[in-house]
Protein backbone atom coordinates (compact mmCIF):
# COMPACT_ATOMS: atom_id res chain seq x y z
CA UNK A 1 0.06 0.04 -0.04
CA UNK A 2 2.89 2.37 0.78
CA UNK A 3 4.37 1.85 -2.59
CA UNK A 4 1.18 2.47 -4.11
CA UNK A 5 0.67 5.84 -2.57
CA UNK A 6 4.50 6.64 -2.97
CA UNK A 7 4.41 6.19 -6.91
CA UNK A 8 1.02 8.01 -7.45
CA UNK A 9 2.31 10.88 -5.27
CA UNK A 10 5.41 11.11 -7.34
CA UNK A 11 3.26 10.96 -10.49
CA UNK A 12 0.98 13.84 -9.09
CA UNK A 13 3.89 15.92 -8.42
CA UNK A 14 5.73 15.18 -11.85
CA UNK A 15 2.44 16.31 -13.56
CA UNK A 16 1.61 19.52 -11.35
CA UNK A 17 5.01 20.99 -11.45
CA UNK A 18 7.72 19.35 -13.70
CA UNK A 19 5.46 18.78 -16.62
CA UNK A 20 3.97 22.26 -16.49
CA UNK A 21 7.65 23.75 -16.52
CA UNK A 22 8.77 21.79 -19.47
CA UNK A 23 5.77 22.84 -21.68
CA UNK A 24 6.31 26.43 -20.61
CA UNK A 25 10.13 26.23 -21.64
CA UNK A 26 8.89 24.48 -25.21
CA UNK A 27 6.31 27.38 -25.84
CA UNK A 28 8.78 30.14 -24.82
CA UNK A 29 11.66 28.87 -27.09
CA UNK A 30 9.12 28.89 -30.07
CA UNK A 31 8.61 24.99 -30.32
CA UNK A 32 4.90 25.48 -30.14
CA UNK A 33 3.85 21.92 -31.92
CA UNK A 34 6.15 20.12 -29.40
CA UNK A 35 4.60 21.98 -26.56
CA UNK A 36 1.22 20.94 -27.82
CA UNK A 37 2.24 17.41 -28.03
CA UNK A 38 3.84 17.48 -24.73
CA UNK A 39 0.79 19.12 -23.21
CA UNK A 40 -1.46 16.30 -24.54
CA UNK A 41 0.96 13.66 -22.97
CA UNK A 42 0.56 15.14 -19.55
CA UNK A 43 -3.01 14.19 -19.62
CA UNK A 44 -1.76 10.81 -19.63
CA UNK A 45 1.05 10.89 -16.97
CA UNK A 46 -1.20 10.61 -14.00
CA UNK A 47 -2.84 7.52 -15.47
CA UNK A 48 0.66 5.84 -16.31
CA UNK A 49 1.89 6.59 -12.57
CA UNK A 50 -1.29 5.00 -11.43
CA UNK A 51 -0.94 1.97 -13.73
CA UNK A 52 2.70 1.47 -12.34
CA UNK A 53 1.66 1.99 -8.69
CA UNK A 54 -1.08 -0.56 -9.29
CA UNK A 55 1.27 -3.03 -10.95
CA UNK A 56 3.91 -2.80 -8.11
CA UNK A 57 1.10 -3.19 -5.52
CA UNK A 58 -0.38 -6.28 -7.14
CA UNK A 59 3.42 -7.63 -7.44
CA UNK A 60 3.69 -7.20 -3.86
CA UNK A 61 0.19 -8.29 -2.77
CA UNK A 62 -0.22 -11.73 -1.16
CA UNK A 63 -2.81 -12.91 -3.98
CA UNK A 64 -2.79 -16.22 -6.09
CA UNK A 65 -2.71 -14.73 -9.48
CA UNK A 66 -0.06 -15.86 -11.94
CA UNK A 67 2.48 -13.05 -12.79
CA UNK A 68 2.29 -13.72 -16.36
CA UNK A 69 -1.21 -12.89 -16.30
CA UNK A 70 -0.78 -9.71 -14.55
CA UNK A 71 2.26 -8.77 -16.97
CA UNK A 72 0.18 -9.05 -20.01
CA UNK A 73 -2.90 -7.39 -18.64
CA UNK A 74 -0.87 -4.38 -17.70
CA UNK A 75 1.30 -4.30 -20.65
CA UNK A 76 -1.84 -4.49 -22.93
CA UNK A 77 -3.47 -1.46 -20.98
CA UNK A 78 -0.25 0.40 -21.12
CA UNK A 79 0.33 -0.14 -24.83
CA UNK A 80 -3.22 0.72 -25.62
CA UNK A 81 -3.12 4.17 -23.67
CA UNK A 82 0.03 4.82 -25.98
CA UNK A 83 -1.86 3.95 -29.13
CA UNK A 84 -4.68 6.33 -28.06
CA UNK A 85 -2.08 9.10 -27.12
CA UNK A 86 -0.30 8.59 -30.57
CA UNK A 87 -3.64 8.58 -32.42
CA UNK A 88 -4.57 11.79 -30.67
CA UNK A 89 -1.00 13.57 -31.52
CA UNK A 90 -1.42 12.49 -35.17
CA UNK A 91 -4.98 13.80 -35.54
CA UNK A 92 -3.85 16.97 -33.70
CA UNK A 93 -1.04 17.42 -36.44
CA UNK A 94 -3.58 16.41 -39.43
CA UNK A 95 -5.93 19.13 -37.97
CA UNK A 96 -3.19 21.98 -38.14
CA UNK A 97 -3.49 21.48 -42.04
CA UNK A 98 -7.10 20.36 -42.41
CA UNK A 99 -9.34 22.15 -39.77
CA UNK A 100 -12.33 19.92 -40.35
CA UNK A 101 -12.99 17.66 -37.29
CA UNK A 102 -14.44 14.61 -39.53
CA UNK A 103 -10.72 14.20 -41.02
CA UNK A 104 -9.17 14.36 -37.81
CA UNK A 105 -11.70 11.81 -36.38
CA UNK A 106 -11.18 9.45 -39.34
CA UNK A 107 -7.21 9.61 -38.74
CA UNK A 108 -7.63 9.06 -34.85
CA UNK A 109 -9.89 6.03 -34.98
CA UNK A 110 -7.90 4.58 -37.71
CA UNK A 111 -4.89 4.73 -35.67
CA UNK A 112 -6.43 3.19 -32.74
CA UNK A 113 -7.99 0.44 -34.67
CA UNK A 114 -4.68 -0.68 -36.25
CA UNK A 115 -3.13 -0.22 -32.63
CA UNK A 116 -5.75 -2.44 -31.12
CA UNK A 117 -5.11 -4.89 -33.54
CA UNK A 118 -1.62 -5.17 -33.20
CA UNK A 119 -1.97 -5.27 -29.23
CA UNK A 120 -4.31 -8.29 -29.59
CA UNK A 121 -1.88 -10.06 -31.96
CA UNK A 122 1.04 -9.77 -29.73
CA UNK A 123 -1.13 -10.92 -26.76
CA UNK A 124 -1.69 -14.17 -28.80
CA UNK A 125 -5.42 -13.65 -29.43
CA UNK A 126 -6.67 -15.01 -32.49
CA UNK A 127 -8.05 -12.56 -34.78
CA UNK A 128 -9.86 -14.45 -37.40
CA UNK A 129 -13.22 -15.18 -35.56
CA UNK A 130 -13.01 -11.49 -34.28
CA UNK A 131 -12.64 -10.19 -37.98
CA UNK A 132 -15.48 -12.57 -39.05
CA UNK A 133 -17.95 -11.21 -36.31
CA UNK A 134 -16.83 -7.66 -37.20
CA UNK A 135 -17.91 -8.29 -40.78
CA UNK A 136 -21.16 -9.58 -39.86
CA UNK A 137 -21.75 -7.22 -37.31
CA UNK A 138 -20.73 -4.22 -39.81
CA UNK A 139 -23.22 -5.49 -42.39
CA UNK A 140 -26.19 -5.19 -39.81
CA UNK A 141 -24.86 -1.59 -38.45
CA UNK A 142 -24.64 -0.56 -42.20
CA UNK A 143 -28.47 -1.47 -42.99
CA UNK A 144 -29.58 0.06 -39.62
CA UNK A 145 -27.42 3.33 -40.01
CA UNK A 146 -28.11 3.85 -43.61
CA UNK A 147 -28.61 7.47 -43.61
CA UNK A 148 -26.03 8.12 -41.16
CA UNK A 149 -23.20 6.33 -43.04
CA UNK A 150 -24.21 8.07 -46.33
CA UNK A 151 -23.99 11.55 -44.41
CA UNK A 152 -20.47 10.30 -43.11
CA UNK A 153 -19.07 9.20 -46.60
CA UNK A 154 -20.84 12.30 -48.25
CA UNK A 155 -18.77 14.43 -45.53
CA UNK A 156 -15.41 12.64 -46.69
CA UNK A 157 -16.17 13.20 -50.40
CA UNK A 158 -16.85 16.91 -49.64
CA UNK A 159 -13.57 17.44 -47.95
CA UNK A 160 -11.50 15.30 -50.45
CA UNK A 161 -13.00 17.16 -53.53
CA UNK A 162 -11.75 20.53 -51.72
CA UNK A 163 -14.39 22.50 -53.67
CA UNK A 164 -16.08 23.46 -50.42
CA UNK A 165 -13.95 24.48 -47.35
CA UNK A 166 -14.42 26.38 -44.21
CA UNK A 167 -15.06 30.12 -44.47
CA UNK A 168 -16.34 29.67 -48.19
CA UNK A 169 -19.44 31.50 -49.12
CA UNK A 170 -21.74 29.22 -50.93
CA UNK A 171 -25.37 29.03 -52.02
CA UNK A 172 -27.22 25.77 -52.74
CA UNK A 173 -29.76 25.24 -55.45
CA UNK A 174 -32.49 24.51 -52.53
CA UNK A 175 -31.95 28.24 -51.85
CA UNK A 176 -29.85 28.24 -48.65
CA UNK A 177 -26.74 30.49 -48.76
CA UNK A 178 -23.96 31.67 -46.20
CA UNK A 179 -20.58 30.87 -44.91
CA UNK A 180 -19.38 27.31 -44.31
CA UNK A 181 -18.44 26.99 -40.67
CA UNK A 182 -18.05 23.43 -40.37
CA UNK A 183 -18.03 19.94 -42.06
CA UNK A 184 -18.68 17.17 -39.49
CA UNK A 185 -19.35 13.64 -39.75
CA UNK A 186 -22.73 14.06 -40.35
CA UNK A 187 -23.95 17.52 -41.31
CA UNK A 188 -22.66 20.80 -42.74
CA UNK A 189 -23.13 24.07 -41.00
CA UNK A 190 -23.70 27.23 -42.78
CA UNK A 191 -24.08 30.69 -41.18
CA UNK A 192 -26.28 33.00 -43.15
CA UNK A 193 -26.03 36.83 -43.43
CA UNK A 194 -28.76 36.70 -40.72
CA UNK A 195 -26.34 35.16 -38.55
CA UNK A 196 -28.57 32.13 -38.26
CA UNK A 197 -26.89 28.75 -38.55
CA UNK A 198 -28.44 26.26 -41.11
CA UNK A 199 -27.68 22.50 -40.42
CA UNK A 200 -27.70 20.57 -43.55
CA UNK A 201 -26.96 16.73 -43.89
CA UNK A 202 -23.70 15.97 -45.92
CA UNK A 203 -25.55 13.95 -48.42
CA UNK A 204 -27.91 16.84 -49.38
CA UNK A 205 -24.90 19.03 -49.90
CA UNK A 206 -22.76 16.52 -51.95
CA UNK A 207 -25.82 16.02 -54.15
CA UNK A 208 -26.83 19.74 -54.67
CA UNK A 209 -25.80 22.42 -57.19
CA UNK A 210 -23.52 24.48 -55.38
CA UNK A 211 -22.48 28.07 -56.30
CA UNK A 212 -19.28 28.90 -54.50
CA UNK A 213 -18.60 32.71 -54.41
CA UNK A 214 -15.10 32.35 -53.07
CA UNK A 215 -13.65 29.19 -55.08
CA UNK A 216 -10.01 29.58 -55.16
CA UNK A 217 -10.61 33.10 -53.76
CA UNK A 218 -11.89 34.51 -56.93
CA UNK A 219 -13.35 38.11 -56.98
CA UNK A 220 -17.17 38.66 -57.03
CA UNK A 221 -19.04 40.54 -59.64
CA UNK A 222 -21.57 42.93 -58.44
CA UNK A 223 -24.07 44.95 -60.19
CA UNK A 224 -26.46 47.81 -60.03
CA UNK A 225 -29.59 48.22 -62.24
CA UNK A 226 -31.19 51.25 -63.60
CA UNK A 227 -33.43 53.00 -66.21
CA UNK A 228 -33.23 56.24 -67.95
CA UNK A 229 -35.83 58.05 -69.87
CA UNK A 230 -36.47 57.79 -73.48
CA UNK A 231 -34.60 60.48 -75.44
CA UNK A 232 -31.54 60.26 -73.15
CA UNK A 233 -28.08 60.35 -74.69
CA UNK A 234 -27.03 56.89 -73.99
CA UNK A 235 -23.45 57.28 -74.69
CA UNK A 236 -23.37 60.27 -72.15
CA UNK A 237 -25.51 57.84 -69.70
CA UNK A 238 -22.82 55.20 -70.10
CA UNK A 239 -19.98 57.49 -69.09
CA UNK A 240 -21.74 58.94 -66.27
CA UNK A 241 -22.50 55.44 -64.91
CA UNK A 242 -18.89 54.29 -65.34
CA UNK A 243 -17.67 57.52 -63.61
CA UNK A 244 -19.90 56.81 -60.83
CA UNK A 245 -18.68 53.38 -60.18
CA UNK A 246 -15.13 54.38 -60.51
CA UNK A 247 -15.01 56.93 -58.08
CA UNK A 248 -16.25 54.36 -55.40
CA UNK A 249 -14.04 51.73 -56.55
CA UNK A 250 -11.08 54.35 -55.95
CA UNK A 251 -12.43 55.10 -52.41
CA UNK A 252 -12.88 51.78 -50.95
CA UNK A 253 -10.07 49.11 -50.75
CA UNK A 254 -12.68 46.31 -50.81
CA UNK A 255 -13.14 46.96 -54.53
CA UNK A 256 -11.23 45.45 -57.42
CA UNK A 257 -9.16 48.34 -58.70
CA UNK A 258 -7.97 46.27 -61.87
CA UNK A 259 -11.49 45.74 -63.22
CA UNK A 260 -12.91 48.67 -65.44
CA UNK A 261 -16.66 49.00 -64.70
CA UNK A 262 -18.85 47.93 -67.49
CA UNK A 263 -22.40 49.25 -68.67
CA UNK A 264 -24.59 46.99 -70.48
CA UNK A 265 -27.99 48.27 -71.91
CA UNK A 266 -30.53 45.55 -71.74
CA UNK A 267 -33.92 46.21 -72.55
CA UNK A 268 -36.63 48.93 -73.69
CA UNK A 269 -38.95 49.01 -70.77
CA UNK A 270 -42.52 50.54 -70.72
CA UNK A 271 -41.42 53.90 -69.25
CA UNK A 272 -37.46 53.78 -69.71
CA UNK A 273 -34.24 52.23 -71.28
CA UNK A 274 -32.88 49.86 -68.61
CA UNK A 275 -28.97 49.24 -68.14
CA UNK A 276 -26.86 47.35 -65.63
CA UNK A 277 -23.72 48.58 -64.15
CA UNK A 278 -21.04 45.96 -63.39
CA UNK A 279 -17.98 46.22 -61.32
CA UNK A 280 -16.00 43.77 -59.08
CA UNK A 281 -15.37 43.41 -55.29
CA UNK A 282 -12.92 41.28 -53.22
CA UNK A 283 -15.33 39.07 -51.55
CA UNK A 284 -19.21 38.55 -51.18
CA UNK A 285 -19.21 39.90 -47.73
CA UNK A 286 -18.86 43.62 -48.91
CA UNK A 287 -21.00 43.11 -52.12
CA UNK A 288 -24.12 44.58 -50.73
CA UNK A 289 -22.29 47.69 -49.25
CA UNK A 290 -20.46 48.34 -52.33
CA UNK A 291 -23.50 48.03 -54.43
CA UNK A 292 -25.31 50.45 -52.01
CA UNK A 293 -22.55 52.94 -52.41
CA UNK A 294 -22.37 52.71 -56.22
CA UNK A 295 -26.06 53.19 -56.48
CA UNK A 296 -26.29 56.36 -54.39
CA UNK A 297 -23.26 57.78 -56.27
CA UNK A 298 -24.89 57.07 -59.46
CA UNK A 299 -28.16 58.79 -58.56
CA UNK A 300 -26.31 61.65 -57.43
CA UNK A 301 -24.50 61.85 -60.77
CA UNK A 302 -27.62 61.24 -63.10
CA UNK A 303 -29.24 64.08 -60.90
CA UNK A 304 -26.48 66.53 -61.21
CA UNK A 305 -26.35 65.82 -65.20
CA UNK A 306 -30.24 66.27 -65.21
CA UNK A 307 -30.87 62.86 -66.71
CA UNK A 308 -34.20 61.53 -65.85
CA UNK A 309 -34.78 58.33 -63.91
CA UNK A 310 -38.48 58.22 -64.89
CA UNK A 311 -41.48 56.71 -62.68
CA UNK A 312 -43.61 54.02 -64.24
CA UNK A 313 -45.89 55.73 -66.45
CA UNK A 314 -48.42 55.14 -69.35
CA UNK A 315 -49.30 57.45 -72.17
CA UNK A 316 -53.20 56.89 -73.03
CA UNK A 317 -54.34 58.39 -76.27
CA UNK A 318 -58.31 58.68 -76.83
CA UNK A 319 -59.30 59.00 -80.33
CA UNK A 320 -62.28 61.31 -80.83
CA UNK A 321 -65.00 59.62 -83.23
């Protein structure tokens, strides 16, 4: 009993003081990743010291248990704890490059599974019956969890294609649009402009027609629609509209300054000749703001040039008989 308490107490002191000091030193000298790895290892130190203390206590205890059984049991538990630690470290390192949890979890459980198989093999346990039972059990699980597994593999497909990533602004053909905040093992989370979070099953996202506004960090085209009265000088209108957009582009850093604004006349409406003013911004989040600024400046310029923006109206002619 004394040995058990002594070893466990030493482990407690090591975790509380020595391990904390080592991690602080690693972080201060700039070895951040090793500091994180060591911090993850510290959480297992108390368990390892407890295991060693328990092992020593069993060896000294007057019980009729074969030493070989005790040795195998403690070695297996100790080895499995190391496997879990390695899996956690590998998944953490993987998550530093791919920030989605689903990828890190796959790596973690894959390493644990392989490690468990190796431990059982070293312990002399026959794996063939276990693998056969796992195969039959997996079939039953697959049938029972069809939708869940479909979402899981759809999530893997989404991450593997790299066409949708965290912080991308996307729009689905079903109408939902917003910023991707997470792709987990079952769902994709999208934060809308209203700050509401939409939870969508992964298989719905994988099978949807998706419009990405930030694929490969592409610029976003913004537009302002307007109409001028019949009889207006369209060439002059075109120049004024371009100038209105260019002034806003020069004023704000969120605009794409290398893109020249375009004016396209689109149709003869009942009361006006309509046109669209096109320009580009750096991302979708500033699109609405920039459109608002350009629209206000366009209205100001047209008013200064006395170019009419007509109200909807109809001309009625009455023929006298």
